[in-house]
N, C-alpha and C. Protein backbone atom coordinates (compact mmCIF):
# COMPACT_ATOMS: atom_id res chain seq x y z
N MET A 1 0.82 -1.20 0.00
CA MET A 1 0.00 0.00 0.00
C MET A 1 0.87 1.26 0.00
N GLU A 2 1.91 1.25 0.82
CA GLU A 2 2.77 2.43 0.88
C GLU A 2 3.56 2.62 -0.41
N LEU A 3 3.91 1.50 -1.06
CA LEU A 3 4.63 1.60 -2.32
C LEU A 3 3.76 2.25 -3.39
N LEU A 4 2.49 1.89 -3.41
CA LEU A 4 1.57 2.49 -4.36
C LEU A 4 1.41 3.99 -4.11
N LEU A 5 1.35 4.39 -2.84
CA LEU A 5 1.25 5.81 -2.51
C LEU A 5 2.53 6.56 -2.85
N LEU A 6 3.68 5.91 -2.69
CA LEU A 6 4.94 6.55 -3.08
C LEU A 6 5.01 6.76 -4.59
N ILE A 7 4.51 5.79 -5.34
CA ILE A 7 4.46 5.95 -6.79
C ILE A 7 3.52 7.10 -7.16
N LEU A 8 2.40 7.20 -6.44
CA LEU A 8 1.46 8.31 -6.67
C LEU A 8 2.12 9.66 -6.40
N VAL A 9 2.92 9.75 -5.35
CA VAL A 9 3.65 10.99 -5.05
C VAL A 9 4.60 11.33 -6.19
N GLY A 10 5.31 10.34 -6.69
CA GLY A 10 6.22 10.57 -7.81
C GLY A 10 5.49 11.03 -9.07
N VAL A 11 4.34 10.44 -9.34
CA VAL A 11 3.54 10.84 -10.50
C VAL A 11 3.03 12.26 -10.33
N LEU A 12 2.58 12.61 -9.12
CA LEU A 12 2.09 13.98 -8.88
C LEU A 12 3.21 15.00 -9.05
N TYR A 13 4.40 14.68 -8.51
CA TYR A 13 5.53 15.60 -8.67
C TYR A 13 5.92 15.74 -10.15
N ALA A 14 6.00 14.61 -10.86
CA ALA A 14 6.42 14.64 -12.26
C ALA A 14 5.42 15.40 -13.13
N THR A 15 4.14 15.13 -12.96
CA THR A 15 3.15 15.84 -13.77
C THR A 15 3.05 17.32 -13.37
N GLY A 16 3.24 17.60 -12.09
CA GLY A 16 3.22 18.99 -11.64
C GLY A 16 4.36 19.79 -12.25
N ILE A 17 5.55 19.25 -12.24
CA ILE A 17 6.70 19.95 -12.82
C ILE A 17 6.55 20.05 -14.33
N PHE A 18 6.06 18.97 -14.97
CA PHE A 18 5.84 19.00 -16.42
C PHE A 18 4.84 20.10 -16.79
N MET A 19 3.76 20.21 -16.03
CA MET A 19 2.75 21.22 -16.34
C MET A 19 3.28 22.64 -16.06
N MET A 20 4.13 22.78 -15.05
CA MET A 20 4.69 24.10 -14.75
C MET A 20 5.66 24.58 -15.83
N LEU A 21 6.22 23.67 -16.59
CA LEU A 21 7.16 24.05 -17.64
C LEU A 21 6.47 24.36 -18.97
N ARG A 22 5.17 24.26 -19.04
CA ARG A 22 4.42 24.60 -20.25
C ARG A 22 4.29 26.11 -20.38
N ARG A 23 3.86 26.59 -21.54
CA ARG A 23 3.79 28.03 -21.80
C ARG A 23 2.47 28.64 -21.35
N SER A 24 1.50 27.86 -21.00
CA SER A 24 0.19 28.39 -20.64
C SER A 24 0.13 28.68 -19.14
N MET A 25 -0.51 29.80 -18.79
CA MET A 25 -0.64 30.15 -17.37
C MET A 25 -1.61 29.21 -16.65
N VAL A 26 -2.61 28.70 -17.37
CA VAL A 26 -3.55 27.75 -16.76
C VAL A 26 -2.82 26.44 -16.42
N LYS A 27 -1.98 25.99 -17.33
CA LYS A 27 -1.20 24.78 -17.07
C LYS A 27 -0.20 24.99 -15.93
N LEU A 28 0.32 26.18 -15.83
CA LEU A 28 1.21 26.52 -14.72
C LEU A 28 0.46 26.41 -13.39
N LEU A 29 -0.76 26.91 -13.35
CA LEU A 29 -1.56 26.84 -12.14
C LEU A 29 -1.93 25.39 -11.80
N ILE A 30 -2.29 24.60 -12.80
CA ILE A 30 -2.60 23.19 -12.56
C ILE A 30 -1.36 22.45 -12.06
N GLY A 31 -0.20 22.76 -12.60
CA GLY A 31 1.04 22.15 -12.14
C GLY A 31 1.35 22.52 -10.70
N LEU A 32 1.06 23.76 -10.33
CA LEU A 32 1.27 24.20 -8.95
C LEU A 32 0.35 23.44 -7.99
N ILE A 33 -0.89 23.22 -8.41
CA ILE A 33 -1.84 22.47 -7.59
C ILE A 33 -1.38 21.01 -7.42
N LEU A 34 -0.94 20.39 -8.53
CA LEU A 34 -0.48 19.00 -8.46
C LEU A 34 0.76 18.87 -7.59
N LEU A 35 1.67 19.83 -7.70
CA LEU A 35 2.88 19.80 -6.88
C LEU A 35 2.56 19.94 -5.40
N GLY A 36 1.60 20.80 -5.07
CA GLY A 36 1.18 20.95 -3.67
C GLY A 36 0.54 19.68 -3.13
N ASN A 37 -0.29 19.03 -3.95
CA ASN A 37 -0.91 17.78 -3.51
C ASN A 37 0.13 16.68 -3.33
N GLY A 38 1.14 16.65 -4.19
CA GLY A 38 2.22 15.68 -4.04
C GLY A 38 3.02 15.91 -2.76
N ALA A 39 3.25 17.17 -2.43
CA ALA A 39 3.96 17.49 -1.18
C ALA A 39 3.14 17.07 0.04
N ASN A 40 1.83 17.29 -0.01
CA ASN A 40 0.97 16.87 1.10
C ASN A 40 0.99 15.35 1.27
N MET A 41 0.95 14.62 0.16
CA MET A 41 1.00 13.16 0.24
C MET A 41 2.35 12.69 0.78
N LEU A 42 3.42 13.39 0.42
CA LEU A 42 4.75 13.02 0.91
C LEU A 42 4.86 13.22 2.41
N ILE A 43 4.34 14.33 2.91
CA ILE A 43 4.34 14.56 4.36
C ILE A 43 3.53 13.50 5.07
N PHE A 44 2.40 13.13 4.48
CA PHE A 44 1.54 12.09 5.05
C PHE A 44 2.27 10.76 5.12
N LEU A 45 3.00 10.41 4.07
CA LEU A 45 3.72 9.14 4.06
C LEU A 45 4.93 9.14 4.98
N LEU A 46 5.62 10.28 5.08
CA LEU A 46 6.77 10.34 5.98
C LEU A 46 6.36 10.28 7.44
N GLY A 47 5.15 10.71 7.74
CA GLY A 47 4.63 10.62 9.11
C GLY A 47 4.29 9.21 9.51
N GLY A 48 4.13 8.34 8.54
CA GLY A 48 3.79 6.94 8.83
C GLY A 48 2.29 6.74 8.91
N ILE A 49 1.85 5.69 8.25
CA ILE A 49 0.43 5.36 8.28
C ILE A 49 0.21 4.41 9.45
N THR A 50 -0.46 4.88 10.47
CA THR A 50 -0.70 4.08 11.67
C THR A 50 -2.19 4.09 11.97
N ARG A 51 -2.74 2.91 12.07
CA ARG A 51 -4.14 2.80 12.50
C ARG A 51 -4.13 2.59 14.00
N GLY A 52 -4.52 3.59 14.70
CA GLY A 52 -4.51 3.50 16.15
C GLY A 52 -5.51 4.45 16.76
N LYS A 53 -5.45 4.52 18.06
CA LYS A 53 -6.35 5.41 18.78
C LYS A 53 -5.84 6.84 18.71
N PRO A 54 -6.72 7.81 18.98
CA PRO A 54 -6.23 9.19 19.04
C PRO A 54 -5.31 9.37 20.25
N PRO A 55 -4.33 10.27 20.15
CA PRO A 55 -3.36 10.44 21.23
C PRO A 55 -3.92 11.25 22.41
N ILE A 56 -4.81 10.62 23.16
CA ILE A 56 -5.40 11.27 24.33
C ILE A 56 -5.03 10.45 25.56
N ILE A 57 -4.44 11.11 26.54
CA ILE A 57 -4.06 10.44 27.79
C ILE A 57 -5.25 10.46 28.72
N GLY A 58 -5.61 9.27 29.21
CA GLY A 58 -6.75 9.16 30.11
C GLY A 58 -6.45 9.74 31.49
N ASP A 59 -7.47 9.84 32.32
CA ASP A 59 -7.31 10.39 33.67
C ASP A 59 -6.42 9.51 34.54
N ALA A 60 -6.53 8.22 34.40
CA ALA A 60 -5.78 7.30 35.26
C ALA A 60 -4.36 7.06 34.75
N ASP A 61 -4.09 7.38 33.50
CA ASP A 61 -2.76 7.11 32.92
C ASP A 61 -1.85 8.32 33.05
N LYS A 62 -0.54 8.02 33.03
CA LYS A 62 0.46 9.09 33.06
C LYS A 62 1.12 9.27 31.70
N VAL A 63 1.18 8.21 30.91
CA VAL A 63 1.79 8.26 29.58
C VAL A 63 0.87 7.52 28.60
N LEU A 64 1.16 7.71 27.31
CA LEU A 64 0.41 7.00 26.28
C LEU A 64 0.88 5.56 26.21
N THR A 65 -0.06 4.66 26.14
CA THR A 65 0.28 3.24 25.99
C THR A 65 -0.41 2.72 24.74
N GLY A 66 0.21 1.77 24.10
CA GLY A 66 -0.37 1.18 22.91
C GLY A 66 -0.04 1.97 21.66
N ILE A 67 -0.72 1.61 20.59
CA ILE A 67 -0.50 2.25 19.31
C ILE A 67 -1.44 3.46 19.19
N TYR A 68 -0.88 4.59 18.82
CA TYR A 68 -1.68 5.80 18.64
C TYR A 68 -1.23 6.53 17.38
N ALA A 69 -2.11 7.30 16.81
CA ALA A 69 -1.81 8.06 15.60
C ALA A 69 -1.05 9.33 15.96
N ASP A 70 -0.01 9.63 15.19
CA ASP A 70 0.79 10.82 15.44
C ASP A 70 0.06 12.05 14.88
N PRO A 71 -0.25 13.05 15.69
CA PRO A 71 -1.02 14.20 15.20
C PRO A 71 -0.18 15.25 14.46
N VAL A 72 1.15 15.19 14.57
CA VAL A 72 1.98 16.24 13.97
C VAL A 72 1.90 16.23 12.44
N PRO A 73 2.08 15.09 11.76
CA PRO A 73 1.95 15.13 10.30
C PRO A 73 0.55 15.55 9.84
N GLN A 74 -0.46 15.16 10.59
CA GLN A 74 -1.82 15.54 10.23
C GLN A 74 -2.01 17.05 10.33
N SER A 75 -1.46 17.65 11.37
CA SER A 75 -1.60 19.11 11.51
C SER A 75 -0.76 19.85 10.47
N LEU A 76 0.41 19.30 10.10
CA LEU A 76 1.21 19.92 9.05
C LEU A 76 0.49 19.89 7.71
N ILE A 77 -0.15 18.76 7.41
CA ILE A 77 -0.88 18.63 6.15
C ILE A 77 -2.07 19.58 6.14
N LEU A 78 -2.77 19.68 7.25
CA LEU A 78 -3.92 20.59 7.32
C LEU A 78 -3.48 22.03 7.10
N THR A 79 -2.37 22.42 7.71
CA THR A 79 -1.84 23.77 7.51
C THR A 79 -1.41 23.98 6.06
N ALA A 80 -0.77 22.98 5.47
CA ALA A 80 -0.33 23.09 4.07
C ALA A 80 -1.52 23.19 3.12
N ILE A 81 -2.61 22.49 3.42
CA ILE A 81 -3.80 22.57 2.58
C ILE A 81 -4.40 23.98 2.63
N VAL A 82 -4.46 24.56 3.82
CA VAL A 82 -5.02 25.91 3.96
C VAL A 82 -4.15 26.93 3.22
N ILE A 83 -2.84 26.83 3.38
CA ILE A 83 -1.94 27.76 2.71
C ILE A 83 -2.01 27.59 1.19
N SER A 84 -2.03 26.36 0.71
CA SER A 84 -2.10 26.14 -0.74
C SER A 84 -3.44 26.61 -1.31
N PHE A 85 -4.52 26.49 -0.53
CA PHE A 85 -5.80 27.01 -1.01
C PHE A 85 -5.76 28.53 -1.16
N GLY A 86 -5.14 29.22 -0.22
CA GLY A 86 -5.00 30.67 -0.34
C GLY A 86 -4.13 31.06 -1.53
N LEU A 87 -3.05 30.32 -1.75
CA LEU A 87 -2.17 30.59 -2.88
C LEU A 87 -2.88 30.34 -4.20
N GLN A 88 -3.65 29.26 -4.26
CA GLN A 88 -4.38 28.94 -5.48
C GLN A 88 -5.46 29.98 -5.77
N SER A 89 -6.14 30.44 -4.73
CA SER A 89 -7.17 31.47 -4.91
C SER A 89 -6.55 32.75 -5.46
N PHE A 90 -5.43 33.16 -4.88
CA PHE A 90 -4.74 34.35 -5.36
C PHE A 90 -4.28 34.17 -6.81
N ALA A 91 -3.75 32.99 -7.12
CA ALA A 91 -3.25 32.75 -8.48
C ALA A 91 -4.39 32.75 -9.50
N ILE A 92 -5.56 32.23 -9.12
CA ILE A 92 -6.70 32.23 -10.04
C ILE A 92 -7.16 33.66 -10.32
N VAL A 93 -7.24 34.49 -9.28
CA VAL A 93 -7.64 35.89 -9.47
C VAL A 93 -6.61 36.63 -10.32
N LEU A 94 -5.33 36.39 -10.05
CA LEU A 94 -4.27 37.03 -10.83
C LEU A 94 -4.32 36.58 -12.28
N LEU A 95 -4.56 35.30 -12.50
CA LEU A 95 -4.65 34.76 -13.85
C LEU A 95 -5.83 35.39 -14.60
N LYS A 96 -6.94 35.55 -13.92
CA LYS A 96 -8.11 36.17 -14.56
C LYS A 96 -7.83 37.62 -14.93
N ARG A 97 -7.15 38.34 -14.06
CA ARG A 97 -6.82 39.75 -14.32
C ARG A 97 -5.83 39.88 -15.48
N VAL A 98 -4.82 39.04 -15.51
CA VAL A 98 -3.84 39.09 -16.59
C VAL A 98 -4.50 38.72 -17.92
N HIS A 99 -5.37 37.72 -17.89
CA HIS A 99 -6.06 37.33 -19.12
C HIS A 99 -6.97 38.44 -19.63
N ALA A 100 -7.59 39.19 -18.71
CA ALA A 100 -8.45 40.30 -19.12
C ALA A 100 -7.63 41.42 -19.77
N LEU A 101 -6.40 41.63 -19.32
CA LEU A 101 -5.55 42.68 -19.90
C LEU A 101 -4.86 42.26 -21.18
N ILE A 102 -4.33 41.05 -21.20
CA ILE A 102 -3.50 40.60 -22.32
C ILE A 102 -4.31 39.87 -23.39
N GLN A 103 -5.44 39.28 -23.02
CA GLN A 103 -6.30 38.48 -23.92
C GLN A 103 -5.64 37.19 -24.39
N THR A 104 -4.70 36.67 -23.62
CA THR A 104 -4.07 35.38 -23.92
C THR A 104 -3.52 34.80 -22.63
N ASP A 105 -3.27 33.50 -22.62
CA ASP A 105 -2.67 32.89 -21.43
C ASP A 105 -1.27 32.38 -21.72
N ASP A 106 -0.68 32.80 -22.83
CA ASP A 106 0.67 32.40 -23.20
C ASP A 106 1.67 33.22 -22.40
N LEU A 107 2.60 32.54 -21.73
CA LEU A 107 3.59 33.23 -20.91
C LEU A 107 4.60 34.02 -21.73
N ASN A 108 4.83 33.62 -22.96
CA ASN A 108 5.77 34.36 -23.81
C ASN A 108 5.22 35.73 -24.19
N ASP A 109 3.91 35.89 -24.24
CA ASP A 109 3.33 37.19 -24.55
C ASP A 109 3.52 38.18 -23.41
N LEU A 110 3.75 37.70 -22.21
CA LEU A 110 4.02 38.60 -21.09
C LEU A 110 5.43 39.16 -21.13
N ASN A 111 6.36 38.47 -21.80
CA ASN A 111 7.75 38.90 -21.84
C ASN A 111 8.01 39.98 -22.89
N THR A 112 7.16 40.08 -23.89
CA THR A 112 7.40 41.05 -24.95
C THR A 112 6.94 42.42 -24.51
N PRO A 113 7.78 43.42 -24.64
CA PRO A 113 7.36 44.78 -24.26
C PRO A 113 6.37 45.33 -25.28
N ASP A 114 5.20 45.68 -24.81
CA ASP A 114 4.16 46.23 -25.68
C ASP A 114 3.72 47.56 -25.09
N THR A 115 3.89 48.62 -25.83
CA THR A 115 3.56 49.94 -25.30
C THR A 115 2.11 50.33 -25.57
N SER A 116 1.35 49.46 -26.23
CA SER A 116 -0.04 49.83 -26.55
C SER A 116 -0.99 49.59 -25.38
N ILE A 117 -0.53 48.94 -24.34
CA ILE A 117 -1.42 48.66 -23.19
C ILE A 117 -1.41 49.80 -22.21
């Protein structure tokens, strides 16, 4: 199961980088989204997949006993999802504004100096 998820992380990274190297701004944004999802999956896998109880210490206990799920990778992934959602929202609005001004999504058209705008 973990090997399949590692392959999925590799595919997400590869397709994300491939899409980011294209000339279209929409493909750049899709590549950024795929790369962020691949990073979240990698953090999830590095934290270890453990099926256990939540890490709550009972009243009678002094330490955790048994198998429990580690909350740190889960909180890191949740934070990364929130940050990537904000970045994606900003990028979509920026992409819409640039497309309204330039009337194209080709990145090479942004590099040419045009004094008519």
